[in-house]
Amino acid sequence: MHHIIIDGTSWPVFEDELFKLYRGEELPPLAFDHQDYAVWQAEHGDPRAQEAVFKEMFADGAPENEMPTYASRPEILPHADEDILRIIPKQKIRETAKRLGVTQYGLLMSVLGMTLGKYCASQDVVIGTAMSGRTLEEQSSMIGMFVNTLPIRMKPAGDMRLKDYVVQTAQTIRTVKAN
């Protein structure tokens, strides 16, 4: 099944219902369906407020960063290829995120933003990220595609400390997710 119509949360629901039908069982009626969700969304969502968050985020326009490309690779390299691999233990990531008061996702998004910023020679980076659009408990048994792709803009001040950058990125993620 294509991901355009079903998200990861839906798949177990789909399998469970399919196997129940295969065994001849009846499915219980839905307590909350897509129409109910649309009504709830119309009553609780404020599109203008959501739009304002992103208009403010991009008030000065979106950055136009270019990743550098390299010339074609020679057949015989002047030096041996080397892979640089440093594995950071999961526990270290958890501890660092906890110490900074952010989620592991916020910490790792900050690191990715810094890395891309270095490659692009820019302090203004936007990364699109997929986030669950399932905001209600009632949606847990619904089959569908409830994913939002949202921009995370990381634009640290020139003199910003690393800790402050990570906290700022985590706050941006929370703001974007809430809208």
Foldseek 3Di string as FASTA:
>chain_A
DDLQWFDPLQVVLVVVVVVCVVVVHDDDDQPAAPVNVVVVCVVPPDVVVLVVLVCVVQVVHADDFDQDDDDDDDPDDPDDDDDDDDDDDPVVLCVVCVVLVFDSVLQVVLVVLVVVCVRRVHLKDKDWDKDFQPPDPSCSNYGTNGIDTWIQIQHDDPPDDSSVSSVVSRVSVVVNVVD
